[in-house]
Protein backbone atom coordinates (compact mmCIF):
# COMPACT_ATOMS: atom_id res chain seq x y z
CA MET A 1 -37.34 25.74 -37.96
CA GLY A 2 -36.87 26.24 -34.24
CA ILE A 3 -39.19 24.83 -31.62
CA VAL A 4 -42.11 27.13 -30.98
CA GLY A 5 -42.21 28.18 -27.35
CA ARG A 6 -38.47 28.34 -26.83
CA THR A 7 -37.51 31.77 -25.54
CA VAL A 8 -34.21 33.53 -26.16
CA LEU A 9 -33.19 36.68 -24.29
CA VAL A 10 -30.88 38.89 -26.38
CA VAL A 11 -28.85 41.27 -24.21
CA ASP A 12 -26.98 43.89 -26.23
CA ASP A 13 -26.86 47.68 -26.15
CA GLU A 14 -26.69 47.98 -29.94
CA PRO A 15 -30.25 48.17 -31.36
CA GLN A 16 -29.14 47.11 -34.84
CA ILE A 17 -27.68 43.86 -33.51
CA ARG A 18 -30.78 43.16 -31.42
CA ALA A 19 -33.04 43.82 -34.41
CA LEU A 20 -31.02 41.53 -36.68
CA LEU A 21 -30.95 38.70 -34.15
CA ARG A 22 -34.65 39.16 -33.41
CA GLU A 23 -35.48 38.87 -37.11
CA TYR A 24 -33.47 35.69 -37.64
CA LEU A 25 -34.54 34.01 -34.40
CA ALA A 26 -38.21 34.86 -34.91
CA ALA A 27 -37.99 33.37 -38.40
CA GLU A 28 -36.89 30.12 -36.75
CA GLY A 29 -39.95 30.13 -34.52
CA TYR A 30 -38.35 31.32 -31.28
CA GLN A 31 -39.83 33.83 -28.87
CA VAL A 32 -37.38 36.72 -28.47
CA LEU A 33 -36.96 39.00 -25.48
CA GLU A 34 -34.59 41.96 -25.59
CA ALA A 35 -32.55 43.91 -23.06
CA ASP A 36 -30.30 46.90 -23.80
CA SER A 37 -28.57 46.91 -20.41
CA GLY A 38 -27.51 44.65 -17.60
CA ALA A 39 -30.19 45.96 -15.26
CA THR A 40 -32.92 45.31 -17.84
CA ALA A 41 -31.59 41.79 -18.40
CA LEU A 42 -31.64 41.06 -14.67
CA ARG A 43 -35.22 42.31 -14.44
CA GLN A 44 -36.23 40.12 -17.38
CA LEU A 45 -34.66 37.15 -15.61
CA GLY A 46 -36.30 37.92 -12.29
CA MET A 47 -33.00 38.68 -10.53
CA LEU A 48 -34.03 42.07 -9.09
CA SER A 49 -36.82 40.98 -6.74
CA GLU A 50 -39.27 41.05 -9.62
CA PRO A 51 -40.95 38.07 -11.26
CA ALA A 52 -39.44 37.11 -14.61
CA ALA A 53 -41.50 38.20 -17.59
CA ARG A 54 -41.54 34.57 -18.71
CA ASN A 55 -39.35 31.51 -18.67
CA VAL A 56 -36.12 32.02 -20.61
CA ASP A 57 -34.43 29.02 -22.21
CA LEU A 58 -31.22 30.69 -23.41
CA VAL A 59 -29.47 34.04 -22.89
CA LEU A 60 -27.27 35.66 -25.53
CA LEU A 61 -25.29 38.02 -23.31
CA ASP A 62 -22.99 40.81 -24.49
CA ILE A 63 -20.08 41.48 -22.13
CA GLY A 64 -19.67 45.18 -22.97
CA LEU A 65 -22.89 46.62 -21.55
CA PRO A 66 -23.26 50.33 -20.69
CA ASP A 67 -24.22 49.94 -17.04
CA VAL A 68 -23.35 46.57 -15.52
CA ASP A 69 -20.58 44.48 -17.07
CA GLY A 70 -21.94 41.32 -18.67
CA LEU A 71 -19.69 39.22 -16.45
CA GLN A 72 -21.34 40.77 -13.39
CA VAL A 73 -24.75 39.95 -14.85
CA LEU A 74 -23.60 36.37 -15.39
CA THR A 75 -22.21 36.09 -11.87
CA GLN A 76 -25.49 37.26 -10.35
CA LEU A 77 -27.50 35.01 -12.65
CA ARG A 78 -25.51 31.92 -11.71
CA ARG A 79 -26.38 32.35 -8.03
CA SER A 80 -29.85 31.01 -8.71
CA SER A 81 -30.15 29.92 -12.34
CA GLN A 82 -28.52 27.41 -14.68
CA VAL A 83 -30.10 28.80 -17.87
CA TYR A 84 -27.84 28.28 -20.89
CA VAL A 85 -25.71 31.39 -21.50
CA ILE A 86 -23.72 32.27 -24.63
CA LEU A 87 -21.42 35.25 -24.10
CA VAL A 88 -21.02 37.73 -26.93
CA THR A 89 -17.86 39.81 -26.79
CA ALA A 90 -15.91 42.21 -28.98
CA ARG A 91 -12.86 41.74 -26.78
CA THR A 92 -9.94 39.81 -28.24
CA GLU A 93 -8.12 38.95 -25.03
CA GLU A 94 -8.29 35.23 -24.28
CA THR A 95 -8.53 35.96 -20.56
CA ASP A 96 -11.90 37.71 -21.03
CA LYS A 97 -13.35 34.62 -22.67
CA LEU A 98 -11.89 32.21 -20.15
CA VAL A 99 -13.01 34.35 -17.21
CA GLY A 100 -16.53 34.29 -18.62
CA LEU A 101 -16.44 30.51 -18.93
CA THR A 102 -15.10 30.19 -15.40
CA VAL A 103 -17.87 32.41 -14.05
CA GLY A 104 -20.45 30.14 -15.63
CA ALA A 105 -20.96 30.82 -19.33
CA ASP A 106 -21.62 27.75 -21.47
CA ASP A 107 -20.13 29.14 -24.67
CA TYR A 108 -18.97 32.37 -26.28
CA ILE A 109 -19.09 34.12 -29.65
CA THR A 110 -16.75 36.93 -30.68
CA LYS A 111 -17.89 40.02 -32.58
CA PRO A 112 -18.10 40.49 -35.48
CA PHE A 113 -20.12 37.31 -35.87
CA SER A 114 -22.24 35.62 -38.47
CA VAL A 115 -25.90 35.75 -37.47
CA ARG A 116 -26.39 32.40 -39.19
CA GLU A 117 -23.66 30.92 -36.98
CA VAL A 118 -25.34 32.30 -33.86
CA VAL A 119 -28.69 30.83 -34.90
CA ALA A 120 -27.05 27.49 -35.75
CA ARG A 121 -25.47 27.31 -32.30
CA ILE A 122 -28.75 28.14 -30.58
CA LYS A 123 -30.60 25.50 -32.60
CA ALA A 124 -27.93 22.94 -31.68
CA VAL A 125 -28.31 23.79 -27.98
CA PHE A 126 -32.06 23.22 -28.11
CA ARG A 127 -31.65 19.98 -30.07
CA ARG A 128 -29.31 18.73 -27.35
CA MET A 129 -31.79 19.76 -24.65
CA ASP A 130 -34.57 17.85 -26.39
CA VAL A 131 -32.48 14.70 -26.79
CA SER A 132 -31.46 14.82 -23.12
CA THR A 133 -35.12 14.88 -22.05
CA GLU A 134 -36.12 11.83 -24.09
CA PRO A 135 -36.78 8.75 -21.93
CA ASP A 136 -34.19 5.97 -22.02
CA ASP A 137 -34.32 2.50 -20.54
CA ALA A 138 -30.67 2.75 -19.45
CA ASP A 139 -30.96 6.16 -17.83
CA VAL A 140 -28.80 5.57 -14.74
CA ILE A 141 -25.01 5.19 -14.72
CA VAL A 142 -23.46 3.83 -11.52
CA ILE A 143 -19.66 3.78 -11.24
CA GLY A 144 -17.98 3.48 -7.88
CA ASP A 145 -19.72 5.84 -5.46
CA LEU A 146 -21.20 7.99 -8.22
CA ARG A 147 -24.79 7.58 -9.39
CA ILE A 148 -25.65 9.58 -12.51
CA ASP A 149 -29.38 9.67 -13.19
CA LEU A 150 -29.81 10.86 -16.78
CA GLY A 151 -33.58 11.06 -16.58
CA ALA A 152 -33.63 13.17 -13.41
CA HIS A 153 -30.46 15.07 -14.45
CA GLU A 154 -29.07 14.33 -11.01
CA VAL A 155 -25.70 13.21 -9.65
CA ARG A 156 -25.16 11.66 -6.24
CA GLN A 157 -21.77 10.99 -4.69
CA ALA A 158 -21.89 8.44 -1.87
CA GLY A 159 -25.58 9.29 -1.60
CA ALA A 160 -25.09 13.07 -1.37
CA LEU A 161 -26.49 15.30 -4.10
CA VAL A 162 -23.83 17.04 -6.23
CA GLU A 163 -24.70 20.46 -7.61
CA LEU A 164 -23.69 20.69 -11.28
CA SER A 165 -24.63 23.05 -14.08
CA ALA A 166 -26.60 21.51 -16.94
CA LEU A 167 -23.57 21.52 -19.20
CA ASP A 168 -21.22 20.12 -16.55
CA PHE A 169 -23.74 17.31 -16.01
CA ASP A 170 -23.78 16.48 -19.73
CA LEU A 171 -19.97 16.51 -19.83
CA LEU A 172 -19.77 14.14 -16.83
CA ALA A 173 -22.38 11.85 -18.38
CA ALA A 174 -20.46 11.74 -21.68
CA LEU A 175 -17.27 10.71 -19.91
CA ALA A 176 -18.95 8.22 -17.56
CA ALA A 177 -20.78 6.55 -20.45
CA SER A 178 -17.40 5.23 -21.67
CA PRO A 179 -15.32 4.52 -18.54
CA GLY A 180 -11.65 3.95 -19.26
CA ARG A 181 -11.91 5.37 -22.77
CA VAL A 182 -9.95 8.50 -23.60
CA LEU A 183 -12.07 11.21 -25.23
CA SER A 184 -10.39 14.12 -26.96
CA ARG A 185 -11.58 17.68 -26.52
CA VAL A 186 -12.99 17.61 -30.05
CA GLN A 187 -14.95 14.44 -29.30
CA LEU A 188 -16.32 15.97 -26.11
CA LEU A 189 -17.30 19.14 -27.95
CA GLU A 190 -19.18 17.06 -30.50
CA LYS A 191 -20.90 14.92 -27.84
CA VAL A 192 -21.79 17.70 -25.41
CA TRP A 193 -21.99 20.96 -27.34
CA GLY A 194 -23.47 19.18 -30.32
CA TYR A 195 -22.13 21.21 -33.23
CA ASP A 196 -18.96 22.05 -35.11
CA PHE A 197 -17.24 24.22 -32.54
CA TYR A 198 -15.66 27.45 -33.80
CA GLY A 199 -14.20 28.69 -30.54
CA ASP A 200 -11.44 27.72 -28.17
CA GLU A 201 -11.25 24.03 -27.26
CA ARG A 202 -10.19 25.14 -23.77
CA VAL A 203 -13.88 25.60 -23.01
CA VAL A 204 -13.76 21.87 -22.22
CA ASP A 205 -10.89 22.38 -19.75
CA VAL A 206 -12.81 25.11 -17.92
CA HIS A 207 -15.87 22.90 -17.46
CA ILE A 208 -13.69 19.97 -16.40
CA ARG A 209 -12.26 22.21 -13.66
CA THR A 210 -15.68 23.26 -12.37
CA MET A 211 -16.88 19.65 -12.47
CA ARG A 212 -13.81 18.43 -10.55
CA LYS A 213 -14.39 21.12 -7.95
CA ALA A 214 -17.99 19.99 -7.43
CA LEU A 215 -16.83 16.38 -7.06
CA ALA A 216 -13.82 17.28 -4.86
CA ASP A 217 -11.69 15.44 -7.41
CA ASP A 218 -7.99 16.29 -7.17
CA PRO A 219 -6.51 16.40 -10.72
CA LEU A 220 -3.14 15.28 -9.31
CA GLU A 221 -4.69 12.22 -7.66
CA PRO A 222 -7.96 11.80 -9.53
CA ARG A 223 -10.72 9.53 -8.33
CA TYR A 224 -12.99 10.07 -11.31
CA ILE A 225 -11.57 12.13 -14.18
CA ALA A 226 -8.01 11.71 -15.39
CA THR A 227 -6.19 14.03 -17.77
CA VAL A 228 -4.40 12.27 -20.61
CA ARG A 229 -1.84 14.87 -21.53
CA GLY A 230 -1.91 15.92 -25.16
CA VAL A 231 -5.03 13.85 -25.85
CA GLY A 232 -8.01 14.59 -23.60
CA TYR A 233 -9.79 13.08 -20.60
CA LYS A 234 -11.08 9.74 -19.39
CA PHE A 235 -13.36 8.56 -16.62
CA LEU A 236 -11.72 6.19 -14.17
CA PRO A 237 -13.95 3.15 -13.55
CA GLY A 238 -14.76 1.97 -10.06
CA ARG A 239 -12.36 3.92 -7.86
CA PRO A 240 -14.35 5.05 -4.84
CA ARG A 241 -12.45 6.13 -1.73
């Protein structure tokens, strides 16, 4: 069963899909909000100068909406919120998926999909959230000029606060927890996404790029995260500049 009190916003213009997802998610104990358009979704999320109906923990966002493209909704949402977003798309072009991830989606699912798979992914996201909020005696990682506070979910670089999405933070923490060790994309998917990933492993590459940008880390002369071609990534220990 899901955790009572968790709220999922389902954004899709097809009522049958919304009804099916609502049924399955409600059976898991989740609160379900629905939106049949981009404008309705933005209102539900408090993005149109209106208070949000309630706190939303995860958004299942269809790209092909009748009014505002789902990517536009995501772009506007990311200006002020880091709520977990799973894109739902019927498009087959890889560029659509990668653009969505670049804009700020945490994951994507392609239609037609298995409702059980969608629910499994959502449950995995919430399990990961719960684990990340548990107290830990060793909740601060300090390497070079980076200070990663796991309890506060905060990164400081030479004392300055670094703005990272929740998922980028978890990815950085996973790499920094094993400095010098190469982690493959599959290992990072398992550590950070927390389930058997069905999509494109390049989701890791997209989040590595956004994380490097936030840290001003040049991939050609990395200070923190090095690419090990054909294998994955590793965190470089103790190389402040």
